């Protein structure tokens, strides 16, 4: 084989590899929901059949970037929506890294504030990139396209000027639905917030529940669990975490109710794909 033939072969091989990469990176026409394995914290990456993405929380470190890169096509550098459920470090820190590396269409958060260094960095990054920020109480839905719709159930009022003793109970709660399959994302909402959700008669039933507060005993009201009545509960939690989460009491309760349990500390990133026919798979 002469030099010219070798060059042609190398070029053809390059394009063959490129086509292979593009083919396997092309987004699915399904709804994809990935509960990221990011340690002790929360991060969920959602991609609609229309190709639009939403990231709910970012975990405690830049580890969320690896989860995102495995789910997004390599050429796509824009995330349409980022939702910060509440500004605790195990939810906000990774989002700061995401803002540095991706273009973001819109941020949805509450006006609950904290004096933490992470929260100040978050606000500074938003200001520097001039990213539109919408308060959750001012919008009711996030349209991800192709029939994938997320309803914002909580909060409906401002936290501005209030003395907040527990930021967990300012958590944004969203219900995502597509093809008759639904997901409930609860942040770290504890019993007080769950009582409000039930009292306000919001539609809470869901096939998948992102379990509140990493499986903590303070994160579950029995009536709330009965109202949601999930088939599968996903617990985002770090391996061998110092809090002893998830609580054995919670695990036993879920098992007694016949609810399937998925845990990021044991299963890694939990990925759910939902087709237009309503059939889903869990990986």
Protein backbone atom coordinates (compact mmCIF):
# COMPACT_ATOMS: atom_id res chain seq x y z
CA UNK A 1 0.00 0.00 0.00
CA UNK A 2 1.47 3.28 -1.09
CA UNK A 3 1.40 6.58 0.85
CA UNK A 4 -1.62 7.94 -1.04
CA UNK A 5 -3.65 4.81 -0.36
CA UNK A 6 -2.73 4.94 3.32
CA UNK A 7 -3.86 8.57 3.50
CA UNK A 8 -7.20 7.76 1.86
CA UNK A 9 -7.70 4.82 4.21
CA UNK A 10 -6.92 6.98 7.24
CA UNK A 11 -9.42 9.64 6.11
CA UNK A 12 -12.12 7.04 5.47
CA UNK A 13 -11.46 5.46 8.86
CA UNK A 14 -11.74 8.84 10.55
CA UNK A 15 -15.11 9.56 8.94
CA UNK A 16 -16.35 6.05 9.76
CA UNK A 17 -15.50 6.58 13.42
CA UNK A 18 -17.11 10.03 13.33
CA UNK A 19 -20.34 8.62 11.85
CA UNK A 20 -20.33 5.88 14.49
CA UNK A 21 -19.93 8.43 17.30
CA UNK A 22 -22.71 10.66 15.92
CA UNK A 23 -25.04 7.67 15.45
CA UNK A 24 -24.65 6.46 19.02
CA UNK A 25 -24.75 9.99 20.44
CA UNK A 26 -27.94 10.99 18.65
CA UNK A 27 -30.68 11.70 21.18
CA UNK A 28 -33.42 9.12 21.62
CA UNK A 29 -37.02 9.92 20.72
CA UNK A 30 -37.98 8.75 24.21
CA UNK A 31 -38.26 10.77 27.38
CA UNK A 32 -35.07 10.11 29.33
CA UNK A 33 -34.77 10.76 33.08
CA UNK A 34 -31.40 10.11 34.72
CA UNK A 35 -31.07 10.20 38.50
CA UNK A 36 -27.36 10.90 38.62
CA UNK A 37 -24.91 9.11 40.88
CA UNK A 38 -23.20 12.19 42.29
CA UNK A 39 -22.58 11.18 45.89
CA UNK A 40 -24.48 12.64 48.84
CA UNK A 41 -26.81 15.05 47.11
CA UNK A 42 -29.35 15.39 44.30
CA UNK A 43 -29.04 15.81 40.54
CA UNK A 44 -31.53 14.68 37.90
CA UNK A 45 -31.00 15.15 34.17
CA UNK A 46 -34.04 15.07 31.89
CA UNK A 47 -34.14 14.99 28.09
CA UNK A 48 -37.47 15.21 26.27
CA UNK A 49 -38.29 13.51 22.95
CA UNK A 50 -37.96 16.99 21.43
CA UNK A 51 -34.31 17.09 22.53
CA UNK A 52 -34.79 19.76 25.20
CA UNK A 53 -33.03 19.25 28.51
CA UNK A 54 -33.72 20.11 32.12
CA UNK A 55 -31.35 19.64 35.04
CA UNK A 56 -32.84 19.58 38.53
CA UNK A 57 -30.13 20.31 41.11
CA UNK A 58 -26.45 19.58 40.67
CA UNK A 59 -25.15 17.68 43.68
CA UNK A 60 -22.19 18.56 45.93
CA UNK A 61 -19.38 18.63 43.35
CA UNK A 62 -18.45 18.75 39.66
CA UNK A 63 -19.27 15.02 39.38
CA UNK A 64 -22.58 16.02 37.80
CA UNK A 65 -20.65 17.01 34.67
CA UNK A 66 -19.81 13.36 34.00
CA UNK A 67 -23.46 12.39 34.29
CA UNK A 68 -24.52 15.12 31.88
CA UNK A 69 -21.81 14.32 29.34
CA UNK A 70 -22.94 10.69 29.20
CA UNK A 71 -26.54 11.68 28.48
CA UNK A 72 -26.17 14.67 26.11
CA UNK A 73 -24.98 14.51 22.50
CA UNK A 74 -21.35 15.67 22.45
CA UNK A 75 -22.15 18.56 20.10
CA UNK A 76 -24.95 19.94 22.29
CA UNK A 77 -23.68 22.59 24.70
CA UNK A 78 -27.00 24.10 25.76
CA UNK A 79 -29.25 23.05 28.62
CA UNK A 80 -32.67 24.64 28.19
CA UNK A 81 -33.72 24.66 31.85
CA UNK A 82 -31.95 24.42 35.19
CA UNK A 83 -34.01 24.09 38.36
CA UNK A 84 -32.52 24.69 41.80
CA UNK A 85 -34.89 23.09 44.29
CA UNK A 86 -33.31 24.92 47.26
CA UNK A 87 -29.88 26.44 47.95
CA UNK A 88 -28.18 23.81 50.11
CA UNK A 89 -24.62 22.89 49.15
CA UNK A 90 -25.46 19.30 48.18
CA UNK A 91 -27.87 20.64 45.53
CA UNK A 92 -26.27 23.88 44.34
CA UNK A 93 -22.49 23.28 44.21
CA UNK A 94 -22.49 21.18 41.04
CA UNK A 95 -24.79 23.66 39.31
CA UNK A 96 -22.12 26.35 39.59
CA UNK A 97 -19.80 24.12 37.57
CA UNK A 98 -22.54 23.49 35.01
CA UNK A 99 -23.10 27.23 34.53
CA UNK A 100 -19.39 27.64 33.79
CA UNK A 101 -19.38 25.00 31.05
CA UNK A 102 -22.79 25.08 29.37
CA UNK A 103 -25.06 27.66 27.87
CA UNK A 104 -28.29 27.78 29.90
CA UNK A 105 -31.61 28.98 28.52
CA UNK A 106 -33.41 29.66 31.79
CA UNK A 107 -32.98 29.11 35.52
CA UNK A 108 -35.92 28.41 37.80
CA UNK A 109 -35.43 28.87 41.54
CA UNK A 110 -37.12 30.33 44.61
CA UNK A 111 -36.34 33.58 46.40
CA UNK A 112 -35.34 31.71 49.56
CA UNK A 113 -31.82 32.93 50.35
CA UNK A 114 -28.82 31.84 52.37
CA UNK A 115 -25.48 33.40 53.30
CA UNK A 116 -23.42 30.42 52.13
CA UNK A 117 -20.40 30.86 49.88
CA UNK A 118 -21.92 28.47 47.34
CA UNK A 119 -25.07 30.53 47.06
CA UNK A 120 -23.08 33.73 46.51
CA UNK A 121 -21.01 32.04 43.77
CA UNK A 122 -24.23 30.79 42.16
CA UNK A 123 -25.71 34.28 41.99
CA UNK A 124 -22.45 35.76 40.73
CA UNK A 125 -22.23 33.21 37.91
CA UNK A 126 -25.83 33.87 36.87
CA UNK A 127 -25.16 37.62 36.79
CA UNK A 128 -21.90 37.24 34.86
CA UNK A 129 -23.50 35.00 32.20
CA UNK A 130 -26.68 37.11 32.16
CA UNK A 131 -28.86 34.01 32.40
CA UNK A 132 -32.63 34.61 32.71
CA UNK A 133 -33.87 33.63 36.17
CA UNK A 134 -37.55 32.99 36.85
CA UNK A 135 -39.03 32.55 40.31
CA UNK A 136 -40.93 29.29 40.68
CA UNK A 137 -44.00 30.95 42.20
CA UNK A 138 -44.47 32.98 39.02
CA UNK A 139 -44.80 30.04 36.63
CA UNK A 140 -46.95 26.94 36.67
CA UNK A 141 -45.47 24.75 33.92
CA UNK A 142 -42.27 24.00 32.07
CA UNK A 143 -42.91 22.76 28.53
CA UNK A 144 -40.10 20.44 27.43
CA UNK A 145 -41.71 19.76 24.06
CA UNK A 146 -43.20 16.72 22.32
CA UNK A 147 -45.76 16.25 25.07
CA UNK A 148 -43.35 16.26 28.02
CA UNK A 149 -44.69 18.72 30.57
CA UNK A 150 -43.54 19.57 34.08
CA UNK A 151 -45.96 21.19 36.53
CA UNK A 152 -44.53 23.29 39.35
CA UNK A 153 -46.59 22.37 42.42
CA UNK A 154 -44.64 24.25 45.08
CA UNK A 155 -44.03 27.01 46.07
CA UNK A 156 -46.89 29.26 45.04
CA UNK A 157 -45.83 32.19 47.22
CA UNK A 158 -42.70 34.25 47.75
CA UNK A 159 -40.24 33.60 50.60
CA UNK A 160 -38.83 37.12 50.39
CA UNK A 161 -38.45 38.76 53.79
CA UNK A 162 -39.43 35.61 55.66
CA UNK A 163 -37.31 34.09 58.40
CA UNK A 164 -36.64 30.60 57.14
CA UNK A 165 -35.67 28.06 59.77
CA UNK A 166 -35.47 25.10 57.40
CA UNK A 167 -34.49 25.59 53.75
CA UNK A 168 -35.55 22.03 53.00
CA UNK A 169 -39.16 23.15 53.25
CA UNK A 170 -38.67 25.74 50.53
CA UNK A 171 -37.90 22.99 48.00
CA UNK A 172 -39.44 23.29 44.55
CA UNK A 173 -41.66 20.29 43.83
CA UNK A 174 -42.28 19.34 40.21
CA UNK A 175 -44.43 16.69 38.56
CA UNK A 176 -43.23 15.60 35.11
CA UNK A 177 -45.60 13.71 32.84
CA UNK A 178 -45.26 12.09 29.44
CA UNK A 179 -47.37 9.42 27.75
CA UNK A 180 -49.33 8.72 30.96
CA UNK A 181 -46.12 8.10 32.94
CA UNK A 182 -45.29 10.56 35.70
CA UNK A 183 -42.40 11.54 37.94
CA UNK A 184 -42.51 13.53 41.18
CA UNK A 185 -39.37 15.47 42.15
CA UNK A 186 -39.41 16.62 45.76
CA UNK A 187 -36.02 18.14 46.56
CA UNK A 188 -35.57 17.83 50.31
CA UNK A 189 -39.19 18.63 51.17
CA UNK A 190 -39.95 17.45 54.70
CA UNK A 191 -43.23 16.71 56.45
CA UNK A 192 -44.37 20.32 56.81
CA UNK A 193 -44.13 20.98 53.08
CA UNK A 194 -45.70 17.61 52.25
CA UNK A 195 -48.67 18.52 54.47
CA UNK A 196 -49.14 21.72 52.44
CA UNK A 197 -49.03 19.81 49.17
CA UNK A 198 -51.73 17.42 50.37
CA UNK A 199 -53.85 20.21 51.86
CA UNK A 200 -53.78 22.12 48.57
CA UNK A 201 -55.06 19.03 46.75
CA UNK A 202 -52.36 19.06 44.10
CA UNK A 203 -52.05 16.11 41.73
CA UNK A 204 -49.30 14.15 43.47
CA UNK A 205 -49.72 10.60 42.23
CA UNK A 206 -46.70 9.45 40.23
CA UNK A 207 -45.16 6.27 38.88
CA UNK A 208 -41.70 7.40 39.97
CA UNK A 209 -40.91 9.29 43.17
CA UNK A 210 -37.59 11.01 43.66
CA UNK A 211 -37.62 10.27 47.35
CA UNK A 212 -37.41 13.39 49.51
CA UNK A 213 -34.35 14.24 51.58
CA UNK A 214 -32.24 11.25 50.56
CA UNK A 215 -34.32 8.73 52.51
CA UNK A 216 -34.28 10.57 55.82
CA UNK A 217 -36.95 9.78 58.44
CA UNK A 218 -37.78 13.48 58.57
CA UNK A 219 -38.43 13.41 54.83
CA UNK A 220 -41.56 11.31 54.80
CA UNK A 221 -45.17 11.79 55.81
CA UNK A 222 -47.03 8.48 55.52
CA UNK A 223 -50.05 10.17 53.99
CA UNK A 224 -47.81 11.80 51.41
CA UNK A 225 -46.37 8.45 50.34
CA UNK A 226 -49.85 6.95 50.16
CA UNK A 227 -51.06 9.87 48.06
CA UNK A 228 -48.16 9.64 45.60
CA UNK A 229 -48.46 5.84 45.50
CA UNK A 230 -45.36 5.30 43.35
CA UNK A 231 -44.35 2.09 41.62
CA UNK A 232 -40.66 2.95 42.02
CA UNK A 233 -38.91 5.17 44.59
CA UNK A 234 -35.48 6.51 43.63
CA UNK A 235 -33.23 7.51 46.52
CA UNK A 236 -30.32 9.78 45.65
CA UNK A 237 -27.70 9.13 48.30
CA UNK A 238 -23.94 8.82 48.74
CA UNK A 239 -22.29 5.50 49.54
CA UNK A 240 -21.37 5.08 53.22
CA UNK A 241 -22.52 8.64 53.97
CA UNK A 242 -22.04 9.99 57.49
CA UNK A 243 -25.77 10.53 57.99
CA UNK A 244 -26.63 6.83 57.79
CA UNK A 245 -29.04 7.44 54.91
CA UNK A 246 -31.30 6.05 53.72
CA UNK A 247 -32.88 5.21 57.08
CA UNK A 248 -33.65 1.53 57.53
CA UNK A 249 -37.13 2.51 58.69
CA UNK A 250 -37.77 4.07 55.29
CA UNK A 251 -36.43 1.08 53.37
CA UNK A 252 -38.62 -1.28 55.39
CA UNK A 253 -41.69 0.88 54.83
CA UNK A 254 -41.18 0.97 51.07
CA UNK A 255 -40.67 -2.78 50.92
CA UNK A 256 -43.77 -3.43 53.02
CA UNK A 257 -45.80 -1.36 50.54
CA UNK A 258 -44.37 -3.25 47.57
CA UNK A 259 -42.63 -0.19 46.16
CA UNK A 260 -39.51 -0.98 44.15
CA UNK A 261 -36.41 0.81 45.45
CA UNK A 262 -33.58 2.20 43.35
CA UNK A 263 -30.57 3.76 45.08
CA UNK A 264 -27.77 5.69 43.43
CA UNK A 265 -25.27 4.44 46.03
CA UNK A 266 -25.98 0.84 45.03
CA UNK A 267 -27.29 1.07 41.45
CA UNK A 268 -25.24 4.01 40.18
CA UNK A 269 -27.05 6.42 37.87
CA UNK A 270 -30.64 5.26 37.51
CA UNK A 271 -31.91 5.93 33.98
CA UNK A 272 -35.57 5.70 33.00
CA UNK A 273 -36.68 5.84 29.37
CA UNK A 274 -40.33 6.32 28.44
CA UNK A 275 -41.64 5.74 24.95
CA UNK A 276 -44.58 7.46 23.26
CA UNK A 277 -46.64 4.33 23.93
CA UNK A 278 -46.19 4.74 27.69
CA UNK A 279 -43.88 1.77 28.03
CA UNK A 280 -40.77 2.39 30.11
CA UNK A 281 -37.49 0.76 30.98
CA UNK A 282 -35.25 1.28 34.00
CA UNK A 283 -31.50 0.82 33.70
